[in-house]
PDB file of N, CA and C in Angstrom:
ATOM      1  N   UNK A   1     111.032 115.825 103.902  1.00  0.00           N
ATOM      2  CA  UNK A   1     112.311 115.221 104.205  1.00  0.00           C
ATOM      3  C   UNK A   1     112.576 114.095 103.206  1.00  0.00           C
ATOM      4  N   UNK A   2     113.816 113.930 102.852  1.00  0.00           N
ATOM      5  CA  UNK A   2     114.191 112.956 101.833  1.00  0.00           C
ATOM      6  C   UNK A   2     114.932 111.772 102.445  1.00  0.00           C
ATOM      7  N   UNK A   3     114.744 110.612 101.846  1.00  0.00           N
ATOM      8  CA  UNK A   3     115.451 109.404 102.245  1.00  0.00           C
ATOM      9  C   UNK A   3     116.367 109.011 101.090  1.00  0.00           C
ATOM     10  N   UNK A   4     117.638 108.774 101.402  1.00  0.00           N
ATOM     11  CA  UNK A   4     118.615 108.421 100.374  1.00  0.00           C
ATOM     12  C   UNK A   4     119.019 106.961 100.490  1.00  0.00           C
ATOM     13  N   UNK A   5     119.084 106.301  99.342  1.00  0.00           N
ATOM     14  CA  UNK A   5     119.568 104.930  99.266  1.00  0.00           C
ATOM     15  C   UNK A   5     120.789 104.964  98.356  1.00  0.00           C
ATOM     16  N   UNK A   6     121.922 104.530  98.894  1.00  0.00           N
ATOM     17  CA  UNK A   6     123.153 104.541  98.103  1.00  0.00           C
ATOM     18  C   UNK A   6     123.528 103.117  97.708  1.00  0.00           C
ATOM     19  N   UNK A   7     123.936 102.966  96.449  1.00  0.00           N
ATOM     20  CA  UNK A   7     124.465 101.689  95.984  1.00  0.00           C
ATOM     21  C   UNK A   7     125.646 101.963  95.066  1.00  0.00           C
ATOM     22  N   UNK A   8     126.150 100.923  94.425  1.00  0.00           N
ATOM     23  CA  UNK A   8     127.357 101.077  93.606  1.00  0.00           C
ATOM     24  C   UNK A   8     127.131 101.934  92.363  1.00  0.00           C
ATOM     25  N   UNK A   9     125.890 102.103  91.943  1.00  0.00           N
ATOM     26  CA  UNK A   9     125.587 102.889  90.752  1.00  0.00           C
ATOM     27  C   UNK A   9     125.279 104.361  91.044  1.00  0.00           C
ATOM     28  N   UNK A  10     125.018 104.684  92.298  1.00  0.00           N
ATOM     29  CA  UNK A  10     124.700 106.070  92.643  1.00  0.00           C
ATOM     30  C   UNK A  10     123.755 106.152  93.824  1.00  0.00           C
ATOM     31  N   UNK A  11     123.004 107.248  93.886  1.00  0.00           N
ATOM     32  CA  UNK A  11     122.105 107.515  95.001  1.00  0.00           C
ATOM     33  C   UNK A  11     120.670 107.640  94.497  1.00  0.00           C
ATOM     34  N   UNK A  12     119.758 107.014  95.237  1.00  0.00           N
ATOM     35  CA  UNK A  12     118.330 107.145  94.955  1.00  0.00           C
ATOM     36  C   UNK A  12     117.743 107.976  96.090  1.00  0.00           C
ATOM     37  N   UNK A  13     117.021 109.024  95.743  1.00  0.00           N
ATOM     38  CA  UNK A  13     116.402 109.889  96.737  1.00  0.00           C
ATOM     39  C   UNK A  13     114.885 109.711  96.665  1.00  0.00           C
ATOM     40  N   UNK A  14     114.294 109.345  97.804  1.00  0.00           N
ATOM     41  CA  UNK A  14     112.850 109.131  97.878  1.00  0.00           C
ATOM     42  C   UNK A  14     112.284 110.086  98.921  1.00  0.00           C
ATOM     43  N   UNK A  15     111.292 110.864  98.534  1.00  0.00           N
ATOM     44  CA  UNK A  15     110.629 111.769  99.466  1.00  0.00           C
ATOM     45  C   UNK A  15     109.823 110.930 100.462  1.00  0.00           C
ATOM     46  N   UNK A  16     109.827 111.330 101.728  1.00  0.00           N
ATOM     47  CA  UNK A  16     109.102 110.573 102.739  1.00  0.00           C
ATOM     48  C   UNK A  16     107.597 110.611 102.514  1.00  0.00           C
ATOM     49  N   UNK A  17     107.113 111.587 101.785  1.00  0.00           N
ATOM     50  CA  UNK A  17     105.693 111.643 101.416  1.00  0.00           C
ATOM     51  C   UNK A  17     105.326 110.434 100.546  1.00  0.00           C
ATOM     52  N   UNK A  18     106.234 110.004  99.698  1.00  0.00           N
ATOM     53  CA  UNK A  18     106.009 108.826  98.846  1.00  0.00           C
ATOM     54  C   UNK A  18     105.925 107.567  99.706  1.00  0.00           C
ATOM     55  N   UNK A  19     106.833 107.442 100.653  1.00  0.00           N
ATOM     56  CA  UNK A  19     106.823 106.286 101.557  1.00  0.00           C
ATOM     57  C   UNK A  19     105.545 106.292 102.392  1.00  0.00           C
ATOM     58  N   UNK A  20     105.142 107.456 102.865  1.00  0.00           N
ATOM     59  CA  UNK A  20     103.912 107.574 103.656  1.00  0.00           C
ATOM     60  C   UNK A  20     102.692 107.204 102.818  1.00  0.00           C
ATOM     61  N   UNK A  21     102.691 107.573 101.560  1.00  0.00           N
ATOM     62  CA  UNK A  21     101.566 107.236 100.673  1.00  0.00           C
ATOM     63  C   UNK A  21     101.485 105.722 100.452  1.00  0.00           C
ATOM     64  N   UNK A  22     102.628 105.078 100.239  1.00  0.00           N
ATOM     65  CA  UNK A  22     102.659 103.620 100.077  1.00  0.00           C
ATOM     66  C   UNK A  22     102.120 102.944 101.336  1.00  0.00           C
ATOM     67  N   UNK A  23     102.578 103.401 102.509  1.00  0.00           N
ATOM     68  CA  UNK A  23     102.123 102.832 103.776  1.00  0.00           C
ATOM     69  C   UNK A  23     100.631 103.092 103.989  1.00  0.00           C
ATOM     70  N   UNK A  24     100.160 104.281 103.638  1.00  0.00           N
ATOM     71  CA  UNK A  24      98.747 104.618 103.793  1.00  0.00           C
ATOM     72  C   UNK A  24      97.850 103.767 102.912  1.00  0.00           C
ATOM     73  N   UNK A  25      98.270 103.542 101.673  1.00  0.00           N
ATOM     74  CA  UNK A  25      97.494 102.684 100.769  1.00  0.00           C
ATOM     75  C   UNK A  25      97.473 101.239 101.255  1.00  0.00           C
ATOM     76  N   UNK A  26      98.618 100.767 101.762  1.00  0.00           N
ATOM     77  CA  UNK A  26      98.675  99.397 102.299  1.00  0.00           C
ATOM     78  C   UNK A  26      97.780  99.261 103.526  1.00  0.00           C
ATOM     79  N   UNK A  27      97.751 100.280 104.362  1.00  0.00           N
ATOM     80  CA  UNK A  27      96.920 100.250 105.566  1.00  0.00           C
ATOM     81  C   UNK A  27      95.436 100.282 105.214  1.00  0.00           C
ATOM     82  N   UNK A  28      95.070 101.077 104.225  1.00  0.00           N
ATOM     83  CA  UNK A  28      93.665 101.208 103.847  1.00  0.00           C
ATOM     84  C   UNK A  28      93.087  99.911 103.295  1.00  0.00           C
ATOM     85  N   UNK A  29      93.949  99.012 102.802  1.00  0.00           N
ATOM     86  CA  UNK A  29      93.493  97.729 102.260  1.00  0.00           C
ATOM     87  C   UNK A  29      93.117  96.725 103.343  1.00  0.00           C
ATOM     88  N   UNK A  30      93.560  96.940 104.560  1.00  0.00           N
ATOM     89  CA  UNK A  30      93.366  95.965 105.629  1.00  0.00           C
ATOM     90  C   UNK A  30      91.913  95.949 106.115  1.00  0.00           C
ATOM     91  N   UNK A  31      91.428  94.751 106.425  1.00  0.00           N
ATOM     92  CA  UNK A  31      90.071  94.564 106.922  1.00  0.00           C
ATOM     93  C   UNK A  31      89.905  95.239 108.286  1.00  0.00           C
ATOM     94  N   UNK A  32      88.774  95.889 108.483  1.00  0.00           N
ATOM     95  CA  UNK A  32      88.446  96.483 109.770  1.00  0.00           C
ATOM     96  C   UNK A  32      88.874  97.928 109.925  1.00  0.00           C
ATOM     97  N   UNK A  33      89.643  98.426 108.974  1.00  0.00           N
ATOM     98  CA  UNK A  33      90.087  99.811 109.052  1.00  0.00           C
ATOM     99  C   UNK A  33      89.118 100.672 108.245  1.00  0.00           C
ATOM    100  N   UNK A  34      88.501 101.624 108.918  1.00  0.00           N
ATOM    101  CA  UNK A  34      87.564 102.534 108.268  1.00  0.00           C
ATOM    102  C   UNK A  34      88.330 103.581 107.482  1.00  0.00           C
ATOM    103  N   UNK A  35      89.458 104.023 108.039  1.00  0.00           N
ATOM    104  CA  UNK A  35      90.260 105.020 107.354  1.00  0.00           C
ATOM    105  C   UNK A  35      91.426 105.477 108.202  1.00  0.00           C
ATOM    106  N   UNK A  36      92.160 106.421 107.652  1.00  0.00           N
ATOM    107  CA  UNK A  36      93.306 106.990 108.346  1.00  0.00           C
ATOM    108  C   UNK A  36      92.828 108.196 109.145  1.00  0.00           C
ATOM    109  N   UNK A  37      93.562 108.503 110.208  1.00  0.00           N
ATOM    110  CA  UNK A  37      93.169 109.594 111.095  1.00  0.00           C
ATOM    111  C   UNK A  37      94.222 110.685 111.098  1.00  0.00           C
ATOM    112  N   UNK A  38      93.755 111.902 111.287  1.00  0.00           N
ATOM    113  CA  UNK A  38      94.652 113.047 111.451  1.00  0.00           C
ATOM    114  C   UNK A  38      94.093 113.916 112.560  1.00  0.00           C
ATOM    115  N   UNK A  39      94.963 114.321 113.473  1.00  0.00           N
ATOM    116  CA  UNK A  39      94.552 115.184 114.565  1.00  0.00           C
ATOM    117  C   UNK A  39      94.685 116.630 114.141  1.00  0.00           C
ATOM    118  N   UNK A  40      93.669 117.392 114.414  1.00  0.00           N
ATOM    119  CA  UNK A  40      93.729 118.821 114.138  1.00  0.00           C
ATOM    120  C   UNK A  40      94.479 119.493 115.274  1.00  0.00           C
ATOM    121  N   UNK A  41      95.518 120.222 114.934  1.00  0.00           N
ATOM    122  CA  UNK A  41      96.322 120.879 115.966  1.00  0.00           C
ATOM    123  C   UNK A  41      95.537 121.998 116.654  1.00  0.00           C
ATOM    124  N   UNK A  42      94.643 122.631 115.936  1.00  0.00           N
ATOM    125  CA  UNK A  42      93.964 123.772 116.529  1.00  0.00           C
ATOM    126  C   UNK A  42      92.872 123.377 117.510  1.00  0.00           C
ATOM    127  N   UNK A  43      92.115 122.293 117.223  1.00  0.00           N
ATOM    128  CA  UNK A  43      91.054 121.913 118.150  1.00  0.00           C
ATOM    129  C   UNK A  43      91.260 120.557 118.814  1.00  0.00           C
ATOM    130  N   UNK A  44      92.292 119.800 118.425  1.00  0.00           N
ATOM    131  CA  UNK A  44      92.612 118.525 119.057  1.00  0.00           C
ATOM    132  C   UNK A  44      91.683 117.386 118.680  1.00  0.00           C
ATOM    133  N   UNK A  45      90.805 117.602 117.709  1.00  0.00           N
ATOM    134  CA  UNK A  45      89.877 116.555 117.288  1.00  0.00           C
ATOM    135  C   UNK A  45      90.512 115.677 116.216  1.00  0.00           C
ATOM    136  N   UNK A  46      90.056 114.436 116.154  1.00  0.00           N
ATOM    137  CA  UNK A  46      90.546 113.490 115.153  1.00  0.00           C
ATOM    138  C   UNK A  46      89.602 113.511 113.971  1.00  0.00           C
ATOM    139  N   UNK A  47      90.163 113.586 112.755  1.00  0.00           N
ATOM    140  CA  UNK A  47      89.364 113.629 111.542  1.00  0.00           C
ATOM    141  C   UNK A  47      89.660 112.409 110.676  1.00  0.00           C
ATOM    142  N   UNK A  48      88.612 111.860 110.074  1.00  0.00           N
ATOM    143  CA  UNK A  48      88.764 110.758 109.129  1.00  0.00           C
ATOM    144  C   UNK A  48      89.220 111.342 107.795  1.00  0.00           C
ATOM    145  N   UNK A  49      90.330 110.804 107.273  1.00  0.00           N
ATOM    146  CA  UNK A  49      90.901 111.333 106.034  1.00  0.00           C
ATOM    147  C   UNK A  49      90.299 110.656 104.814  1.00  0.00           C
ATOM    148  N   UNK A  50      90.215 111.397 103.733  1.00  0.00           N
ATOM    149  CA  UNK A  50      89.743 110.849 102.465  1.00  0.00           C
ATOM    150  C   UNK A  50      90.885 110.093 101.790  1.00  0.00           C
ATOM    151  N   UNK A  51      90.568 109.329 100.758  1.00  0.00           N
ATOM    152  CA  UNK A  51      91.564 108.526 100.038  1.00  0.00           C
ATOM    153  C   UNK A  51      92.717 109.364  99.501  1.00  0.00           C
ATOM    154  N   UNK A  52      92.445 110.606  99.109  1.00  0.00           N
ATOM    155  CA  UNK A  52      93.481 111.454  98.517  1.00  0.00           C
ATOM    156  C   UNK A  52      94.549 111.866  99.531  1.00  0.00           C
ATOM    157  N   UNK A  53      94.223 111.839 100.803  1.00  0.00           N
ATOM    158  CA  UNK A  53      95.170 112.328 101.806  1.00  0.00           C
ATOM    159  C   UNK A  53      95.534 111.256 102.834  1.00  0.00           C
ATOM    160  N   UNK A  54      95.676 110.018 102.386  1.00  0.00           N
ATOM    161  CA  UNK A  54      96.027 108.919 103.285  1.00  0.00           C
ATOM    162  C   UNK A  54      97.385 109.125 103.942  1.00  0.00           C
ATOM    163  N   UNK A  55      98.297 109.775 103.251  1.00  0.00           N
ATOM    164  CA  UNK A  55      99.652 109.940 103.787  1.00  0.00           C
ATOM    165  C   UNK A  55      99.686 110.846 105.011  1.00  0.00           C
ATOM    166  N   UNK A  56      98.639 111.637 105.233  1.00  0.00           N
ATOM    167  CA  UNK A  56      98.605 112.507 106.416  1.00  0.00           C
ATOM    168  C   UNK A  56      98.382 111.709 107.706  1.00  0.00           C
ATOM    169  N   UNK A  57      97.921 110.470 107.576  1.00  0.00           N
ATOM    170  CA  UNK A  57      97.732 109.605 108.730  1.00  0.00           C
ATOM    171  C   UNK A  57      98.937 108.719 109.004  1.00  0.00           C
ATOM    172  N   UNK A  58     100.064 109.015 108.349  1.00  0.00           N
ATOM    173  CA  UNK A  58     101.286 108.220 108.495  1.00  0.00           C
ATOM    174  C   UNK A  58     102.447 109.153 108.775  1.00  0.00           C
ATOM    175  N   UNK A  59     103.288 108.783 109.734  1.00  0.00           N
ATOM    176  CA  UNK A  59     104.511 109.535 110.037  1.00  0.00           C
ATOM    177  C   UNK A  59     105.693 108.597 109.836  1.00  0.00           C
ATOM    178  N   UNK A  60     106.718 109.087 109.138  1.00  0.00           N
ATOM    179  CA  UNK A  60     107.904 108.283 108.829  1.00  0.00           C
ATOM    180  C   UNK A  60     109.108 108.864 109.572  1.00  0.00           C
ATOM    181  N   UNK A  61     109.867 107.991 110.228  1.00  0.00           N
ATOM    182  CA  UNK A  61     111.157 108.359 110.807  1.00  0.00           C
ATOM    183  C   UNK A  61     112.200 107.520 110.075  1.00  0.00           C
ATOM    184  N   UNK A  62     113.143 108.193 109.448  1.00  0.00           N
ATOM    185  CA  UNK A  62     114.127 107.475 108.644  1.00  0.00           C
ATOM    186  C   UNK A  62     115.527 107.682 109.184  1.00  0.00           C
ATOM    187  N   UNK A  63     116.284 106.591 109.227  1.00  0.00           N
ATOM    188  CA  UNK A  63     117.713 106.653 109.490  1.00  0.00           C
ATOM    189  C   UNK A  63     118.388 106.075 108.249  1.00  0.00           C
ATOM    190  N   UNK A  64     119.687 106.020 108.264  1.00  0.00           N
ATOM    191  CA  UNK A  64     120.386 105.460 107.111  1.00  0.00           C
ATOM    192  C   UNK A  64     120.182 103.949 106.998  1.00  0.00           C
ATOM    193  N   UNK A  65     119.866 103.287 108.110  1.00  0.00           N
ATOM    194  CA  UNK A  65     119.739 101.830 108.106  1.00  0.00           C
ATOM    195  C   UNK A  65     118.313 101.323 107.955  1.00  0.00           C
ATOM    196  N   UNK A  66     117.312 102.059 108.477  1.00  0.00           N
ATOM    197  CA  UNK A  66     115.956 101.521 108.498  1.00  0.00           C
ATOM    198  C   UNK A  66     114.914 102.637 108.606  1.00  0.00           C
ATOM    199  N   UNK A  67     113.644 102.220 108.542  1.00  0.00           N
ATOM    200  CA  UNK A  67     112.507 103.129 108.690  1.00  0.00           C
ATOM    201  C   UNK A  67     111.686 102.731 109.898  1.00  0.00           C
ATOM    202  N   UNK A  68     111.086 103.714 110.544  1.00  0.00           N
ATOM    203  CA  UNK A  68     110.088 103.495 111.590  1.00  0.00           C
ATOM    204  C   UNK A  68     108.828 104.197 111.099  1.00  0.00           C
ATOM    205  N   UNK A  69     107.730 103.454 111.034  1.00  0.00           N
ATOM    206  CA  UNK A  69     106.490 103.984 110.477  1.00  0.00           C
ATOM    207  C   UNK A  69     105.429 104.020 111.571  1.00  0.00           C
ATOM    208  N   UNK A  70     104.818 105.189 111.775  1.00  0.00           N
ATOM    209  CA  UNK A  70     103.712 105.366 112.710  1.00  0.00           C
ATOM    210  C   UNK A  70     102.442 105.560 111.892  1.00  0.00           C
ATOM    211  N   UNK A  71     101.425 104.720 112.156  1.00  0.00           N
ATOM    212  CA  UNK A  71     100.185 104.759 111.400  1.00  0.00           C
ATOM    213  C   UNK A  71      99.041 105.083 112.357  1.00  0.00           C
ATOM    214  N   UNK A  72      98.247 106.096 112.012  1.00  0.00           N
ATOM    215  CA  UNK A  72      97.124 106.552 112.825  1.00  0.00           C
ATOM    216  C   UNK A  72      95.835 106.154 112.111  1.00  0.00           C
ATOM    217  N   UNK A  73      95.033 105.281 112.767  1.00  0.00           N
ATOM    218  CA  UNK A  73      93.868 104.706 112.092  1.00  0.00           C
ATOM    219  C   UNK A  73      92.587 104.889 112.892  1.00  0.00           C
ATOM    220  N   UNK A  74      91.474 104.696 112.186  1.00  0.00           N
ATOM    221  CA  UNK A  74      90.154 104.597 112.795  1.00  0.00           C
ATOM    222  C   UNK A  74      89.622 103.226 112.407  1.00  0.00           C
ATOM    223  N   UNK A  75      89.173 102.461 113.404  1.00  0.00           N
ATOM    224  CA  UNK A  75      88.717 101.091 113.151  1.00  0.00           C
ATOM    225  C   UNK A  75      87.197 101.001 113.211  1.00  0.00           C
ATOM    226  N   UNK A  76      86.695  99.919 112.647  1.00  0.00           N
ATOM    227  CA  UNK A  76      85.263  99.657 112.648  1.00  0.00           C
ATOM    228  C   UNK A  76      84.865  99.044 113.987  1.00  0.00           C
ATOM    229  N   UNK A  77      83.743  99.475 114.522  1.00  0.00           N
ATOM    230  CA  UNK A  77      83.239  98.953 115.790  1.00  0.00           C
ATOM    231  C   UNK A  77      82.963  97.455 115.672  1.00  0.00           C
ATOM    232  N   UNK A  78      83.369  96.708 116.694  1.00  0.00           N
ATOM    233  CA  UNK A  78      83.093  95.279 116.743  1.00  0.00           C
ATOM    234  C   UNK A  78      84.196  94.410 116.171  1.00  0.00           C
ATOM    235  N   UNK A  79      85.246  95.011 115.662  1.00  0.00           N
ATOM    236  CA  UNK A  79      86.350  94.221 115.111  1.00  0.00           C
ATOM    237  C   UNK A  79      87.425  94.020 116.174  1.00  0.00           C
ATOM    238  N   UNK A  80      88.217  93.001 115.996  1.00  0.00           N
ATOM    239  CA  UNK A  80      89.303  92.693 116.920  1.00  0.00           C
ATOM    240  C   UNK A  80      90.494  93.601 116.602  1.00  0.00           C
ATOM    241  N   UNK A  81      90.757  94.560 117.464  1.00  0.00           N
ATOM    242  CA  UNK A  81      91.806  95.550 117.208  1.00  0.00           C
ATOM    243  C   UNK A  81      93.183  94.896 117.144  1.00  0.00           C
ATOM    244  N   UNK A  82      93.420  93.892 117.961  1.00  0.00           N
ATOM    245  CA  UNK A  82      94.710  93.206 117.947  1.00  0.00           C
ATOM    246  C   UNK A  82      94.952  92.507 116.606  1.00  0.00           C
ATOM    247  N   UNK A  83      93.927  91.858 116.070  1.00  0.00           N
ATOM    248  CA  UNK A  83      94.057  91.191 114.775  1.00  0.00           C
ATOM    249  C   UNK A  83      94.257  92.210 113.653  1.00  0.00           C
ATOM    250  N   UNK A  84      93.545  93.321 113.731  1.00  0.00           N
ATOM    251  CA  UNK A  84      93.703  94.385 112.736  1.00  0.00           C
ATOM    252  C   UNK A  84      95.127  94.923 112.773  1.00  0.00           C
ATOM    253  N   UNK A  85      95.646  95.174 113.971  1.00  0.00           N
ATOM    254  CA  UNK A  85      97.003  95.721 114.117  1.00  0.00           C
ATOM    255  C   UNK A  85      98.055  94.762 113.572  1.00  0.00           C
ATOM    256  N   UNK A  86      97.904  93.469 113.850  1.00  0.00           N
ATOM    257  CA  UNK A  86      98.854  92.476 113.333  1.00  0.00           C
ATOM    258  C   UNK A  86      98.841  92.438 111.806  1.00  0.00           C
ATOM    259  N   UNK A  87      97.648  92.428 111.230  1.00  0.00           N
ATOM    260  CA  UNK A  87      97.514  92.411 109.777  1.00  0.00           C
ATOM    261  C   UNK A  87      98.087  93.687 109.168  1.00  0.00           C
ATOM    262  N   UNK A  88      97.781  94.810 109.784  1.00  0.00           N
ATOM    263  CA  UNK A  88      98.263  96.105 109.299  1.00  0.00           C
ATOM    264  C   UNK A  88      99.788  96.183 109.338  1.00  0.00           C
ATOM    265  N   UNK A  89     100.379  95.756 110.444  1.00  0.00           N
ATOM    266  CA  UNK A  89     101.840  95.797 110.569  1.00  0.00           C
ATOM    267  C   UNK A  89     102.516  94.977 109.479  1.00  0.00           C
ATOM    268  N   UNK A  90     102.049  93.755 109.279  1.00  0.00           N
ATOM    269  CA  UNK A  90     102.708  92.901 108.292  1.00  0.00           C
ATOM    270  C   UNK A  90     102.486  93.421 106.873  1.00  0.00           C
ATOM    271  N   UNK A  91     101.297  93.935 106.564  1.00  0.00           N
ATOM    272  CA  UNK A  91     101.020  94.442 105.225  1.00  0.00           C
ATOM    273  C   UNK A  91     101.840  95.697 104.913  1.00  0.00           C
ATOM    274  N   UNK A  92     101.888  96.632 105.854  1.00  0.00           N
ATOM    275  CA  UNK A  92     102.653  97.873 105.645  1.00  0.00           C
ATOM    276  C   UNK A  92     104.147  97.560 105.533  1.00  0.00           C
ATOM    277  N   UNK A  93     104.654  96.714 106.423  1.00  0.00           N
ATOM    278  CA  UNK A  93     106.079  96.360 106.393  1.00  0.00           C
ATOM    279  C   UNK A  93     106.449  95.712 105.066  1.00  0.00           C
ATOM    280  N   UNK A  94     105.644  94.755 104.628  1.00  0.00           N
ATOM    281  CA  UNK A  94     105.919  94.050 103.367  1.00  0.00           C
ATOM    282  C   UNK A  94     105.887  95.006 102.180  1.00  0.00           C
ATOM    283  N   UNK A  95     104.843  95.828 102.074  1.00  0.00           N
ATOM    284  CA  UNK A  95     104.693  96.726 100.926  1.00  0.00           C
ATOM    285  C   UNK A  95     105.811  97.761 100.850  1.00  0.00           C
ATOM    286  N   UNK A  96     106.139  98.364 101.994  1.00  0.00           N
ATOM    287  CA  UNK A  96     107.176  99.402 101.991  1.00  0.00           C
ATOM    288  C   UNK A  96     108.540  98.797 101.675  1.00  0.00           C
ATOM    289  N   UNK A  97     108.868  97.673 102.302  1.00  0.00           N
ATOM    290  CA  UNK A  97     110.160  97.041 102.028  1.00  0.00           C
ATOM    291  C   UNK A  97     110.259  96.600 100.571  1.00  0.00           C
ATOM    292  N   UNK A  98     109.178  96.073 100.016  1.00  0.00           N
ATOM    293  CA  UNK A  98     109.197  95.610  98.633  1.00  0.00           C
ATOM    294  C   UNK A  98     109.325  96.766  97.648  1.00  0.00           C
ATOM    295  N   UNK A  99     108.610  97.856  97.877  1.00  0.00           N
ATOM    296  CA  UNK A  99     108.589  98.945  96.911  1.00  0.00           C
ATOM    297  C   UNK A  99     109.718  99.949  97.093  1.00  0.00           C
ATOM    298  N   UNK A 100     110.167 100.150  98.328  1.00  0.00           N
ATOM    299  CA  UNK A 100     111.194 101.165  98.587  1.00  0.00           C
ATOM    300  C   UNK A 100     112.586 100.548  98.666  1.00  0.00           C
ATOM    301  N   UNK A 101     112.671  99.344  99.209  1.00  0.00           N
ATOM    302  CA  UNK A 101     113.974  98.692  99.304  1.00  0.00           C
ATOM    303  C   UNK A 101     114.726  98.986 100.580  1.00  0.00           C
ATOM    304  N   UNK A 102     114.088  99.660 101.534  1.00  0.00           N
ATOM    305  CA  UNK A 102     114.702  99.905 102.849  1.00  0.00           C
ATOM    306  C   UNK A 102     114.018  99.027 103.885  1.00  0.00           C
ATOM    307  N   UNK A 103     114.789  98.475 104.831  1.00  0.00           N
ATOM    308  CA  UNK A 103     114.154  97.657 105.858  1.00  0.00           C
ATOM    309  C   UNK A 103     113.328  98.515 106.816  1.00  0.00           C
ATOM    310  N   UNK A 104     112.188  97.964 107.237  1.00  0.00           N
ATOM    311  CA  UNK A 104     111.318  98.634 108.195  1.00  0.00           C
ATOM    312  C   UNK A 104     111.564  98.005 109.552  1.00  0.00           C
ATOM    313  N   UNK A 105     112.045  98.801 110.500  1.00  0.00           N
ATOM    314  CA  UNK A 105     112.334  98.289 111.840  1.00  0.00           C
ATOM    315  C   UNK A 105     111.051  98.113 112.639  1.00  0.00           C
ATOM    316  N   UNK A 106     110.195  99.134 112.644  1.00  0.00           N
ATOM    317  CA  UNK A 106     108.959  99.090 113.429  1.00  0.00           C
ATOM    318  C   UNK A 106     107.818  99.704 112.646  1.00  0.00           C
ATOM    319  N   UNK A 107     106.627  99.145 112.856  1.00  0.00           N
ATOM    320  CA  UNK A 107     105.388  99.768 112.412  1.00  0.00           C
ATOM    321  C   UNK A 107     104.547  99.936 113.670  1.00  0.00           C
ATOM    322  N   UNK A 108     104.366 101.168 114.101  1.00  0.00           N
ATOM    323  CA  UNK A 108     103.604 101.472 115.310  1.00  0.00           C
ATOM    324  C   UNK A 108     102.191 101.891 114.918  1.00  0.00           C
ATOM    325  N   UNK A 109     101.200 101.276 115.571  1.00  0.00           N
ATOM    326  CA  UNK A 109      99.802 101.533 115.257  1.00  0.00           C
ATOM    327  C   UNK A 109      99.187 102.364 116.380  1.00  0.00           C
ATOM    328  N   UNK A 110      98.513 103.450 115.996  1.00  0.00           N
ATOM    329  CA  UNK A 110      97.814 104.297 116.946  1.00  0.00           C
ATOM    330  C   UNK A 110      96.337 104.312 116.542  1.00  0.00           C
ATOM    331  N   UNK A 111      95.482 103.688 117.358  1.00  0.00           N
ATOM    332  CA  UNK A 111      94.043 103.680 117.079  1.00  0.00           C
ATOM    333  C   UNK A 111      93.484 104.966 117.652  1.00  0.00           C
ATOM    334  N   UNK A 112      93.051 105.858 116.771  1.00  0.00           N
ATOM    335  CA  UNK A 112      92.580 107.180 117.162  1.00  0.00           C
ATOM    336  C   UNK A 112      91.075 107.246 117.355  1.00  0.00           C
ATOM    337  N   UNK A 113      90.367 106.206 116.901  1.00  0.00           N
ATOM    338  CA  UNK A 113      88.928 106.234 117.057  1.00  0.00           C
ATOM    339  C   UNK A 113      88.282 104.945 116.590  1.00  0.00           C
ATOM    340  N   UNK A 114      86.998 104.807 116.940  1.00  0.00           N
ATOM    341  CA  UNK A 114      86.174 103.671 116.531  1.00  0.00           C
ATOM    342  C   UNK A 114      84.940 104.247 115.863  1.00  0.00           C
ATOM    343  N   UNK A 115      84.609 103.726 114.701  1.00  0.00           N
ATOM    344  CA  UNK A 115      83.442 104.239 113.977  1.00  0.00           C
ATOM    345  C   UNK A 115      82.362 103.175 113.943  1.00  0.00           C
ATOM    346  N   UNK A 116      81.152 103.586 114.274  1.00  0.00           N
ATOM    347  CA  UNK A 116      80.006 102.689 114.250  1.00  0.00           C
ATOM    348  C   UNK A 116      79.338 102.817 112.897  1.00  0.00           C
ATOM    349  N   UNK A 117      79.185 101.689 112.210  1.00  0.00           N
ATOM    350  CA  UNK A 117      78.529 101.684 110.897  1.00  0.00           C
ATOM    351  C   UNK A 117      77.033 101.885 111.082  1.00  0.00           C
ATOM    352  N   UNK A 118      76.403 102.634 110.172  1.00  0.00           N
ATOM    353  CA  UNK A 118      74.966 102.915 110.291  1.00  0.00           C
ATOM    354  C   UNK A 118      74.191 102.134 109.289  1.00  0.00           C
TER     355      UNK A 118
END
């Protein structure tokens, strides 16, 4: 799906995969996040995504006025999930708004799992 930004010079079209990748990279930088999560439709299990597929752990809903970003993460055991979510929301919102130029209305965080470090 494509997102269009119109201005006096013309139209800019941005694929939502690009926005999801920006959000995924911003999320991966946050402390306490082990990685992005993706649910397998066939078996219902949550899988930890590799760096190459961070955008699969992000869902974008776009309107003409704003974006709503859903981020699916796996956190490290023993970390404060509320603090991680606050940091993640502000980092993703800032990065997407700065790089894409569209306002982000909401960043919704879905903690899909906790990973224990060995």
